[in-house]
Amino acid sequence: MHEDHAEGHYPKRSERHRDPGHSHEVDHASDQRLLALALSIIVAFMVAEVIIGFLTHSLTLLADAGHMLTDAGALALSIWVIRLGLKPVSAQWTFGFKRAEILSAATNGITLLVIAIVVAIEAVLRLIHPQHVRGSAMIIVAAFGIAVNVMASLAVARANQSSLNIAGVMGHLLNDLWAFIGTLLAGILIVTTGYRRADSIASLLVVALMLRTSWGLLKNSGRILLEAAPPGIDLTEVHEHLLSVEHVVGIHDLHAWVVMSSLPALSAHVVIDDVCFSNGHSPRILDQLQDCLSGHFDLNHSTFQLEPAEHAGHEDTSH
């Protein structure tokens, strides 16, 4: 009495109704190469900063190297998550480890939030008690930092931007780019006017950008982890469309969620005319329901339980 849509049940189904894990496939090998290129650029610059910082006794360079370490960590985590996502599905992990990208995005969002808080506290303290800042050193470091972050950002920009994992890395890199631009302008202002608070003001502007990026990553990853409906999907509208399919008399237990950033899913119990079970029409209804979702809402991964009206009395209403 229960008939679930699954790949291979009905050969006549079009190519677009196959497992969306294939239809949304991206070039993971290319993404790994691009992230590895960005990582090598960041690490090379970071090592150079550490060496020069020790040789020149520059605290600014050493502090900035620590900042770049967070970028390197975000890139390394993202590469690991992509490799983890390539592991095959199993009886225990039915979607494999593709959902790890959501945890990576949440981690990057939390990291940006923590860094923003630390920088904000230090910036406020320096606004109250301005310290001597070497403007010339800021300008040199910022100029090299801008060049490095532009190269790394251009590499990552060629990767799959629909992935929250990639978006988290871009958030780190773009915020650092703005940080270096702010540092450069602050250094120029300090050298030309001697206004030492310029560094703190620039830092607070960057903090605002970091908080904005962090909020976006945490909101999007949180929606997925809490299994909210996919963005742009109105379940009331979905319900009405499904009810419009011929022989469908009721819809209940309608749920929509996002397994990963490129895989929205939906499930529903569909009450149909009793005669459809005896005349063999139920497979056609499954086709029509799937056509409705993919045509109107771009939802290709769905599971429907077809049932007669009297089946409701046997169901657990808790879900």
Protein backbone atom coordinates (compact mmCIF):
# COMPACT_ATOMS: atom_id res chain seq x y z
CA MET A 1 0.00 0.00 0.00
CA HIS A 2 3.00 2.27 0.48
CA GLU A 3 4.81 3.30 -2.68
CA ASP A 4 7.91 5.44 -2.39
CA HIS A 5 9.54 7.17 -5.33
CA ALA A 6 13.04 5.83 -5.84
CA GLU A 7 15.50 5.83 -8.70
CA GLY A 8 15.04 2.84 -10.95
CA HIS A 9 11.43 2.05 -9.98
CA TYR A 10 10.06 3.58 -13.15
CA PRO A 11 12.43 3.54 -16.15
CA LYS A 12 10.32 6.07 -18.05
CA ARG A 13 11.24 8.85 -15.64
CA SER A 14 13.36 11.56 -17.22
CA GLU A 15 17.01 12.08 -16.46
CA ARG A 16 16.24 15.05 -14.23
CA HIS A 17 14.38 12.83 -11.76
CA ARG A 18 17.38 10.75 -10.88
CA ASP A 19 19.20 10.97 -7.61
CA PRO A 20 20.05 14.69 -7.21
CA GLY A 21 23.33 13.74 -5.67
CA HIS A 22 24.37 13.08 -9.27
CA SER A 23 22.57 15.94 -10.94
CA HIS A 24 24.18 18.47 -8.61
CA GLU A 25 27.63 16.92 -8.93
CA VAL A 26 30.55 19.35 -8.92
CA ASP A 27 34.19 18.89 -9.72
CA HIS A 28 35.50 18.13 -6.24
CA ALA A 29 39.01 17.43 -7.55
CA SER A 30 39.13 20.92 -9.07
CA ASP A 31 37.87 22.48 -5.82
CA GLN A 32 40.59 20.66 -3.88
CA ARG A 33 43.28 21.93 -6.25
CA LEU A 34 42.04 25.51 -6.03
CA LEU A 35 41.87 25.42 -2.23
CA ALA A 36 45.32 23.80 -2.07
CA LEU A 37 46.70 26.60 -4.28
CA ALA A 38 45.19 29.24 -1.99
CA LEU A 39 46.54 27.38 1.06
CA SER A 40 50.08 27.24 -0.37
CA ILE A 41 49.97 31.01 -1.07
CA ILE A 42 48.79 31.80 2.45
CA VAL A 43 51.28 29.45 4.15
CA ALA A 44 54.22 30.76 2.10
CA PHE A 45 53.39 34.33 3.07
CA MET A 46 52.85 33.34 6.71
CA VAL A 47 56.23 31.59 6.92
CA ALA A 48 57.93 34.61 5.34
CA GLU A 49 56.27 36.89 7.90
CA VAL A 50 57.44 34.73 10.81
CA ILE A 51 61.04 34.64 9.54
CA ILE A 52 61.19 38.38 8.82
CA GLY A 53 59.37 39.15 12.06
CA PHE A 54 62.00 37.30 14.14
CA LEU A 55 64.86 38.85 12.18
CA THR A 56 63.51 42.40 12.55
CA HIS A 57 61.93 41.92 16.01
CA SER A 58 58.65 43.17 14.53
CA LEU A 59 55.62 42.36 16.67
CA THR A 60 53.32 43.60 13.89
CA LEU A 61 54.58 40.97 11.48
CA LEU A 62 54.36 38.18 14.04
CA ALA A 63 50.83 39.21 15.02
CA ASP A 64 49.76 39.28 11.41
CA ALA A 65 51.28 35.82 10.87
CA GLY A 66 49.01 34.55 13.63
CA HIS A 67 46.08 36.13 11.82
CA MET A 68 47.05 34.37 8.59
CA LEU A 69 47.20 31.10 10.51
CA THR A 70 43.40 31.24 10.93
CA ASP A 71 43.04 31.49 7.14
CA ALA A 72 45.36 28.53 6.65
CA GLY A 73 43.33 26.55 9.17
CA ALA A 74 40.06 27.39 7.41
CA LEU A 75 41.50 26.31 4.05
CA ALA A 76 42.95 23.08 5.45
CA LEU A 77 39.61 22.26 7.12
CA SER A 78 37.75 22.87 3.87
CA ILE A 79 40.05 20.59 1.89
CA TRP A 80 39.60 17.86 4.50
CA VAL A 81 35.81 18.30 4.41
CA ILE A 82 35.74 17.92 0.61
CA ARG A 83 37.75 14.69 0.86
CA LEU A 84 35.48 13.49 3.63
CA GLY A 85 32.44 14.19 1.47
CA LEU A 86 33.81 11.92 -1.27
CA LYS A 87 33.60 8.86 0.96
CA PRO A 88 30.92 6.43 -0.22
CA VAL A 89 27.57 6.02 1.51
CA SER A 90 27.06 3.09 3.84
CA ALA A 91 24.28 1.43 5.81
CA GLN A 92 25.21 3.65 8.76
CA TRP A 93 25.96 6.89 6.88
CA THR A 94 23.21 6.92 4.26
CA PHE A 95 24.24 10.30 2.83
CA GLY A 96 27.96 9.65 3.27
CA PHE A 97 29.78 12.57 4.91
CA LYS A 98 28.58 15.31 2.56
CA ARG A 99 26.85 17.08 5.43
CA ALA A 100 30.29 17.75 6.95
CA GLU A 101 30.45 20.88 4.78
CA ILE A 102 27.73 22.39 6.96
CA LEU A 103 29.80 21.76 10.10
CA SER A 104 32.79 23.37 8.36
CA ALA A 105 30.74 26.47 7.52
CA ALA A 106 29.49 26.70 11.11
CA THR A 107 33.07 26.33 12.40
CA ASN A 108 34.25 29.13 10.12
CA GLY A 109 31.37 31.31 11.26
CA ILE A 110 32.21 30.73 14.93
CA THR A 111 35.91 31.37 14.29
CA LEU A 112 35.16 34.69 12.59
CA LEU A 113 32.87 35.64 15.49
CA VAL A 114 35.57 34.90 18.09
CA ILE A 115 38.23 36.80 16.13
CA ALA A 116 35.86 39.76 15.71
CA ILE A 117 35.22 39.93 19.46
CA VAL A 118 38.94 39.76 20.31
CA VAL A 119 39.84 42.42 17.74
CA ALA A 120 36.94 44.65 18.86
CA ILE A 121 38.06 44.54 22.51
CA GLU A 122 41.67 45.37 21.59
CA ALA A 123 40.54 48.14 19.22
CA VAL A 124 38.40 49.80 21.90
CA LEU A 125 41.26 49.61 24.43
CA ARG A 126 43.60 51.25 21.93
CA LEU A 127 41.04 53.94 21.18
CA ILE A 128 41.02 54.82 24.87
CA HIS A 129 44.77 54.47 25.26
CA PRO A 130 46.46 55.06 21.88
CA GLN A 131 49.77 53.26 21.44
CA HIS A 132 52.75 54.02 19.28
CA VAL A 133 52.23 52.37 15.90
CA ARG A 134 54.86 52.17 13.15
CA GLY A 135 52.89 53.41 10.18
CA SER A 136 55.58 52.49 7.65
CA ALA A 137 55.62 48.86 8.83
CA MET A 138 51.81 48.75 8.60
CA ILE A 139 51.93 49.99 5.01
CA ILE A 140 54.52 47.39 3.92
CA VAL A 141 52.76 44.47 5.60
CA ALA A 142 49.34 45.57 4.34
CA ALA A 143 50.57 45.96 0.74
CA PHE A 144 51.95 42.41 0.69
CA GLY A 145 48.88 41.13 2.53
CA ILE A 146 46.54 42.64 -0.07
CA ALA A 147 48.49 41.02 -2.91
CA VAL A 148 48.48 37.61 -1.20
CA ASN A 149 44.80 37.69 -0.28
CA VAL A 150 43.80 38.82 -3.78
CA MET A 151 45.67 35.84 -5.29
CA ALA A 152 44.18 33.40 -2.77
CA SER A 153 40.66 34.84 -3.17
CA LEU A 154 40.84 34.61 -6.96
CA ALA A 155 41.79 30.92 -6.66
CA VAL A 156 38.94 30.12 -4.26
CA ALA A 157 36.48 32.20 -6.32
CA ARG A 158 36.83 29.61 -9.11
CA ALA A 159 35.62 26.83 -6.80
CA ASN A 160 31.99 25.78 -6.25
CA GLN A 161 30.40 28.88 -4.70
CA SER A 162 27.12 27.10 -3.90
CA SER A 163 28.91 25.18 -1.13
CA LEU A 164 28.70 26.68 2.36
CA ASN A 165 32.13 25.14 2.97
CA ILE A 166 33.64 27.26 0.16
CA ALA A 167 31.61 30.28 1.30
CA GLY A 168 33.19 30.01 4.75
CA VAL A 169 36.68 30.10 3.28
CA MET A 170 35.79 33.07 1.08
CA GLY A 171 34.46 34.82 4.17
CA HIS A 172 37.84 34.46 5.87
CA LEU A 173 39.82 35.61 2.85
CA LEU A 174 37.62 38.57 1.93
CA ASN A 175 37.53 39.81 5.51
CA ASP A 176 41.32 39.60 5.67
CA LEU A 177 41.52 41.49 2.38
CA TRP A 178 39.39 44.28 3.80
CA ALA A 179 41.47 44.17 6.98
CA PHE A 180 44.66 44.69 5.00
CA ILE A 181 43.07 47.52 3.00
CA GLY A 182 42.02 49.16 6.26
CA THR A 183 45.50 48.64 7.68
CA LEU A 184 47.05 50.22 4.59
CA LEU A 185 44.83 53.30 4.80
CA ALA A 186 45.40 53.58 8.54
CA GLY A 187 49.17 53.31 8.04
CA ILE A 188 49.11 56.05 5.44
CA LEU A 189 47.06 58.26 7.76
CA ILE A 190 49.42 57.63 10.66
CA VAL A 191 52.52 58.41 8.56
CA THR A 192 51.03 61.59 7.07
CA THR A 193 49.14 63.00 10.07
CA GLY A 194 50.38 61.11 13.13
CA TYR A 195 46.79 60.18 14.07
CA ARG A 196 47.42 56.97 16.03
CA ARG A 197 43.75 56.10 16.56
CA ALA A 198 43.37 55.44 12.81
CA ASP A 199 44.48 51.83 13.31
CA SER A 200 41.76 51.18 15.90
CA ILE A 201 39.04 52.84 13.81
CA ALA A 202 39.99 50.76 10.77
CA SER A 203 39.95 47.63 12.94
CA LEU A 204 36.41 48.35 14.17
CA LEU A 205 35.19 48.75 10.58
CA VAL A 206 36.68 45.38 9.73
CA VAL A 207 35.04 43.90 12.86
CA ALA A 208 31.65 45.01 11.49
CA LEU A 209 32.37 43.17 8.23
CA MET A 210 33.50 40.06 10.11
CA LEU A 211 30.32 40.03 12.19
CA ARG A 212 28.21 40.35 9.04
CA THR A 213 29.98 37.41 7.38
CA SER A 214 29.86 35.34 10.57
CA TRP A 215 26.12 35.94 10.95
CA GLY A 216 25.48 34.84 7.36
CA LEU A 217 27.45 31.61 7.77
CA LEU A 218 25.91 30.76 11.15
CA LYS A 219 22.37 31.56 9.97
CA ASN A 220 22.63 29.46 6.80
CA SER A 221 24.38 26.51 8.45
CA GLY A 222 22.00 26.73 11.42
CA ARG A 223 18.95 26.55 9.14
CA ILE A 224 20.32 23.37 7.57
CA LEU A 225 21.33 21.77 10.87
CA LEU A 226 17.89 22.55 12.33
CA GLU A 227 16.28 21.21 9.12
CA ALA A 228 14.38 24.35 8.21
CA ALA A 229 12.64 24.48 4.84
CA PRO A 230 14.92 25.35 1.89
CA PRO A 231 15.15 29.10 1.18
CA GLY A 232 12.47 30.24 -1.24
CA ILE A 233 10.24 27.19 -0.65
CA ASP A 234 6.77 28.01 0.69
CA LEU A 235 5.29 24.75 1.99
CA THR A 236 1.78 26.20 1.82
CA GLU A 237 2.25 26.71 -1.91
CA VAL A 238 3.81 23.25 -2.26
CA HIS A 239 0.81 21.77 -0.45
CA GLU A 240 -1.61 23.48 -2.85
CA HIS A 241 0.29 22.32 -5.93
CA LEU A 242 0.41 18.71 -4.77
CA LEU A 243 -3.31 18.76 -4.00
CA SER A 244 -3.98 19.90 -7.56
CA VAL A 245 -2.70 16.56 -8.93
CA GLU A 246 -5.60 14.43 -10.16
CA HIS A 247 -6.81 11.72 -7.72
CA VAL A 248 -4.97 13.34 -4.77
CA VAL A 249 -7.47 14.02 -1.99
CA GLY A 250 -5.19 14.97 0.88
CA ILE A 251 -1.62 15.81 1.93
CA HIS A 252 -0.22 15.52 5.44
CA ASP A 253 3.14 15.16 7.23
CA LEU A 254 4.69 17.45 4.62
CA HIS A 255 8.34 18.16 5.41
CA ALA A 256 11.09 19.91 3.44
CA TRP A 257 14.71 20.33 4.50
CA VAL A 258 18.24 20.66 3.15
CA VAL A 259 20.60 17.71 3.44
CA MET A 260 23.53 19.80 2.18
CA SER A 261 23.82 23.16 0.44
CA SER A 262 23.07 21.65 -3.00
CA LEU A 263 20.55 18.98 -1.96
CA PRO A 264 17.05 20.08 -0.85
CA ALA A 265 14.66 17.24 -0.03
CA LEU A 266 10.97 16.73 0.66
CA SER A 267 8.72 14.00 2.03
CA ALA A 268 4.95 13.75 2.37
CA HIS A 269 2.07 11.38 2.96
CA VAL A 270 -0.32 11.59 0.03
CA VAL A 271 -3.92 10.39 0.32
CA ILE A 272 -5.29 9.24 -3.04
CA ASP A 273 -8.52 7.73 -4.33
CA ASP A 274 -8.90 4.09 -3.28
CA VAL A 275 -9.48 2.99 -6.84
CA CYS A 276 -5.91 4.00 -7.79
CA PHE A 277 -4.55 1.05 -5.82
CA SER A 278 -6.68 -1.47 -7.65
CA ASN A 279 -6.39 -0.13 -11.20
CA GLY A 280 -2.60 0.34 -11.12
CA HIS A 281 -2.75 4.13 -11.46
CA SER A 282 -0.60 4.88 -8.39
CA PRO A 283 2.76 4.79 -10.27
CA ARG A 284 1.42 7.49 -12.60
CA ILE A 285 0.48 9.62 -9.62
CA LEU A 286 4.04 9.33 -8.31
CA ASP A 287 5.28 10.60 -11.68
CA GLN A 288 2.88 13.54 -11.57
CA LEU A 289 3.82 14.46 -7.99
CA GLN A 290 7.51 14.40 -8.88
CA ASP A 291 6.88 16.44 -12.04
CA CYS A 292 5.01 18.99 -9.96
CA LEU A 293 7.89 19.43 -7.51
CA SER A 294 10.69 19.52 -10.05
CA GLY A 295 8.80 21.74 -12.48
CA HIS A 296 7.49 24.36 -10.04
CA PHE A 297 9.97 24.26 -7.16
CA ASP A 298 13.19 22.67 -8.51
CA LEU A 299 12.88 19.93 -5.87
CA ASN A 300 14.12 16.63 -7.31
CA HIS A 301 14.77 14.56 -4.19
CA SER A 302 11.42 13.49 -2.73
CA THR A 303 9.76 10.59 -0.98
CA PHE A 304 6.00 10.09 -1.06
CA GLN A 305 3.93 7.63 0.90
CA LEU A 306 0.72 6.92 -0.99
CA GLU A 307 -2.18 5.82 1.20
CA PRO A 308 -5.96 5.44 1.17
CA ALA A 309 -8.12 7.65 3.34
CA GLU A 310 -8.74 4.99 6.01
CA HIS A 311 -4.99 4.62 6.61
CA ALA A 312 -4.98 7.81 8.72
CA GLY A 313 -6.49 5.88 11.61
CA HIS A 314 -3.43 3.67 11.81
CA GLU A 315 -0.83 6.46 11.86
CA ASP A 316 1.13 7.86 14.75
CA THR A 317 0.08 11.53 14.85
CA SER A 318 3.17 12.63 16.85
CA HIS A 319 5.07 13.50 13.69
